[in-house]
Amino acid sequence: MLGDPTRVRILDALAHAEVPVCDLAEVLDLTQSAVSHQLRLLRGMRLVRARRDGQHIYYTLDDQHIVKLFEQGLEHVQERAPLSGHVGADLRVRPGPTHGSAPTGRARRA
């Protein structure tokens, strides 16, 4: 799942905050359809989970173990990258503000 740069960028954004699809699309400069497709794959692998609030669906990493695995994987790739390559640096994204008044904390599982 980490072989695709788009999925890595999505996971990186979700490692920092719960983010709606519309904000992920904006931050990643992709269509909502493209982001939704990648999120569907990540949900199938149980790496991310979703929470609906009104018209928005908020995504976050499934649990703290996934956060740690992602961070370790990214660290491993950066250690193996040549110094001039700065692999991973361009993959780091920071989500913008979320739409609506939904909380940005992690949602509880039902």
C-alpha atoms as a PDB file:
ATOM      1  CA  MET A   1       0.000   0.000   0.000  1.00  0.00           C
ATOM      2  CA  LEU A   2       2.959   2.335   0.526  1.00  0.00           C
ATOM      3  CA  GLY A   3       4.153   1.836  -3.048  1.00  0.00           C
ATOM      4  CA  ASP A   4       1.925   4.634  -4.320  1.00  0.00           C
ATOM      5  CA  PRO A   5       2.998   8.240  -3.579  1.00  0.00           C
ATOM      6  CA  THR A   6      -0.611   9.438  -3.422  1.00  0.00           C
ATOM      7  CA  ARG A   7      -1.487   6.902  -0.722  1.00  0.00           C
ATOM      8  CA  VAL A   8       1.656   7.839   1.214  1.00  0.00           C
ATOM      9  CA  ARG A   9       0.679  11.505   1.090  1.00  0.00           C
ATOM     10  CA  ILE A  10      -2.848  10.659   2.251  1.00  0.00           C
ATOM     11  CA  LEU A  11      -1.533   8.563   5.137  1.00  0.00           C
ATOM     12  CA  ASP A  12       0.844  11.354   6.113  1.00  0.00           C
ATOM     13  CA  ALA A  13      -1.984  13.894   6.247  1.00  0.00           C
ATOM     14  CA  LEU A  14      -4.151  11.516   8.268  1.00  0.00           C
ATOM     15  CA  ALA A  15      -1.298  10.802  10.692  1.00  0.00           C
ATOM     16  CA  HIS A  16      -1.593  14.415  11.864  1.00  0.00           C
ATOM     17  CA  ALA A  17      -5.341  15.026  11.943  1.00  0.00           C
ATOM     18  CA  GLU A  18      -8.787  13.792  11.077  1.00  0.00           C
ATOM     19  CA  VAL A  19      -9.471  15.260   7.634  1.00  0.00           C
ATOM     20  CA  PRO A  20     -12.514  15.350   5.330  1.00  0.00           C
ATOM     21  CA  VAL A  21     -12.182  14.139   1.750  1.00  0.00           C
ATOM     22  CA  CYS A  22     -12.699  17.649   0.357  1.00  0.00           C
ATOM     23  CA  ASP A  23      -9.710  19.004   2.331  1.00  0.00           C
ATOM     24  CA  LEU A  24      -7.517  16.040   1.383  1.00  0.00           C
ATOM     25  CA  ALA A  25      -8.334  16.651  -2.274  1.00  0.00           C
ATOM     26  CA  GLU A  26      -7.473  20.336  -1.950  1.00  0.00           C
ATOM     27  CA  VAL A  27      -4.206  19.766  -0.063  1.00  0.00           C
ATOM     28  CA  LEU A  28      -3.088  17.005  -2.431  1.00  0.00           C
ATOM     29  CA  ASP A  29      -4.285  18.880  -5.549  1.00  0.00           C
ATOM     30  CA  LEU A  30      -6.387  15.904  -6.640  1.00  0.00           C
ATOM     31  CA  THR A  31     -10.047  15.387  -7.415  1.00  0.00           C
ATOM     32  CA  GLN A  32     -12.320  14.203  -4.632  1.00  0.00           C
ATOM     33  CA  SER A  33     -13.024  11.134  -6.764  1.00  0.00           C
ATOM     34  CA  ALA A  34      -9.316  10.233  -6.949  1.00  0.00           C
ATOM     35  CA  VAL A  35      -8.878  10.715  -3.197  1.00  0.00           C
ATOM     36  CA  SER A  36     -12.018   8.688  -2.462  1.00  0.00           C
ATOM     37  CA  HIS A  37     -10.711   5.853  -4.629  1.00  0.00           C
ATOM     38  CA  GLN A  38      -7.428   5.728  -2.697  1.00  0.00           C
ATOM     39  CA  LEU A  39      -9.248   5.967   0.637  1.00  0.00           C
ATOM     40  CA  ARG A  40     -11.470   3.052  -0.376  1.00  0.00           C
ATOM     41  CA  LEU A  41      -8.335   0.949  -0.925  1.00  0.00           C
ATOM     42  CA  LEU A  42      -6.842   2.069   2.395  1.00  0.00           C
ATOM     43  CA  ARG A  43     -10.107   1.266   4.200  1.00  0.00           C
ATOM     44  CA  GLY A  44     -10.105  -2.177   2.633  1.00  0.00           C
ATOM     45  CA  MET A  45      -6.686  -2.776   4.167  1.00  0.00           C
ATOM     46  CA  ARG A  46      -7.968  -1.395   7.512  1.00  0.00           C
ATOM     47  CA  LEU A  47      -5.388   1.392   7.534  1.00  0.00           C
ATOM     48  CA  VAL A  48      -7.932   4.212   7.739  1.00  0.00           C
ATOM     49  CA  ARG A  49     -11.434   4.611   9.114  1.00  0.00           C
ATOM     50  CA  ALA A  50     -14.236   7.007   8.321  1.00  0.00           C
ATOM     51  CA  ARG A  51     -16.760   9.058  10.258  1.00  0.00           C
ATOM     52  CA  ARG A  52     -19.691  10.874   8.660  1.00  0.00           C
ATOM     53  CA  ASP A  53     -20.757  14.269   9.958  1.00  0.00           C
ATOM     54  CA  GLY A  54     -23.503  15.787   7.849  1.00  0.00           C
ATOM     55  CA  GLN A  55     -22.352  15.952   4.247  1.00  0.00           C
ATOM     56  CA  HIS A  56     -18.679  15.400   5.080  1.00  0.00           C
ATOM     57  CA  ILE A  57     -16.853  12.147   5.648  1.00  0.00           C
ATOM     58  CA  TYR A  58     -13.823  12.512   7.910  1.00  0.00           C
ATOM     59  CA  TYR A  59     -10.935  10.074   7.676  1.00  0.00           C
ATOM     60  CA  THR A  60      -8.193   9.236  10.127  1.00  0.00           C
ATOM     61  CA  LEU A  61      -5.678   6.442  10.545  1.00  0.00           C
ATOM     62  CA  ASP A  62      -7.336   3.382  12.038  1.00  0.00           C
ATOM     63  CA  ASP A  63      -5.367   3.415  15.292  1.00  0.00           C
ATOM     64  CA  GLN A  64      -2.104   4.471  16.906  1.00  0.00           C
ATOM     65  CA  HIS A  65      -0.365   1.291  15.698  1.00  0.00           C
ATOM     66  CA  ILE A  66      -0.938   2.355  12.090  1.00  0.00           C
ATOM     67  CA  VAL A  67       0.541   5.786  12.884  1.00  0.00           C
ATOM     68  CA  LYS A  68       3.682   4.152  14.304  1.00  0.00           C
ATOM     69  CA  LEU A  69       4.016   1.723  11.387  1.00  0.00           C
ATOM     70  CA  PHE A  70       3.648   4.555   8.879  1.00  0.00           C
ATOM     71  CA  GLU A  71       6.229   6.716  10.667  1.00  0.00           C
ATOM     72  CA  GLN A  72       8.682   3.798  10.846  1.00  0.00           C
ATOM     73  CA  GLY A  73       8.172   3.005   7.167  1.00  0.00           C
ATOM     74  CA  LEU A  74       8.742   6.622   6.155  1.00  0.00           C
ATOM     75  CA  GLU A  75      11.831   6.824   8.375  1.00  0.00           C
ATOM     76  CA  HIS A  76      13.189   3.647   6.783  1.00  0.00           C
ATOM     77  CA  VAL A  77      12.734   5.033   3.262  1.00  0.00           C
ATOM     78  CA  GLN A  78      14.397   8.325   4.234  1.00  0.00           C
ATOM     79  CA  GLU A  79      17.393   6.508   5.762  1.00  0.00           C
ATOM     80  CA  ARG A  80      17.955   4.545   2.553  1.00  0.00           C
ATOM     81  CA  ALA A  81      17.562   7.548   0.269  1.00  0.00           C
ATOM     82  CA  PRO A  82      20.667   9.277  -1.073  1.00  0.00           C
ATOM     83  CA  LEU A  83      21.396  12.523   0.738  1.00  0.00           C
ATOM     84  CA  SER A  84      20.655  14.606  -2.329  1.00  0.00           C
ATOM     85  CA  GLY A  85      17.328  12.874  -2.970  1.00  0.00           C
ATOM     86  CA  HIS A  86      15.415  14.026   0.126  1.00  0.00           C
ATOM     87  CA  VAL A  87      12.901  11.244  -0.434  1.00  0.00           C
ATOM     88  CA  GLY A  88       9.883  11.733   1.756  1.00  0.00           C
ATOM     89  CA  ALA A  89      10.352  15.462   2.214  1.00  0.00           C
ATOM     90  CA  ASP A  90       8.051  16.188  -0.725  1.00  0.00           C
ATOM     91  CA  LEU A  91       5.498  13.711   0.612  1.00  0.00           C
ATOM     92  CA  ARG A  92       4.916  15.568   3.856  1.00  0.00           C
ATOM     93  CA  VAL A  93       1.639  17.459   3.751  1.00  0.00           C
ATOM     94  CA  ARG A  94      -0.215  19.435   6.327  1.00  0.00           C
ATOM     95  CA  PRO A  95      -4.002  19.460   6.040  1.00  0.00           C
ATOM     96  CA  GLY A  96      -5.738  22.789   5.947  1.00  0.00           C
ATOM     97  CA  PRO A  97      -8.641  23.763   8.176  1.00  0.00           C
ATOM     98  CA  THR A  98     -11.616  21.437   8.054  1.00  0.00           C
ATOM     99  CA  HIS A  99     -14.987  22.515   6.734  1.00  0.00           C
ATOM    100  CA  GLY A 100     -17.899  22.969   9.078  1.00  0.00           C
ATOM    101  CA  SER A 101     -17.884  22.848  12.834  1.00  0.00           C
ATOM    102  CA  ALA A 102     -16.982  19.172  13.241  1.00  0.00           C
ATOM    103  CA  PRO A 103     -14.382  18.372  15.895  1.00  0.00           C
ATOM    104  CA  THR A 104     -10.906  17.547  14.643  1.00  0.00           C
ATOM    105  CA  GLY A 105     -10.164  14.999  17.376  1.00  0.00           C
ATOM    106  CA  ARG A 106     -10.188  11.285  16.737  1.00  0.00           C
ATOM    107  CA  ALA A 107     -13.639   9.798  16.496  1.00  0.00           C
ATOM    108  CA  ARG A 108     -14.691   7.002  18.823  1.00  0.00           C
ATOM    109  CA  ARG A 109     -15.557   3.658  17.338  1.00  0.00           C
ATOM    110  CA  ALA A 110     -19.167   2.669  17.539  1.00  0.00           C
END
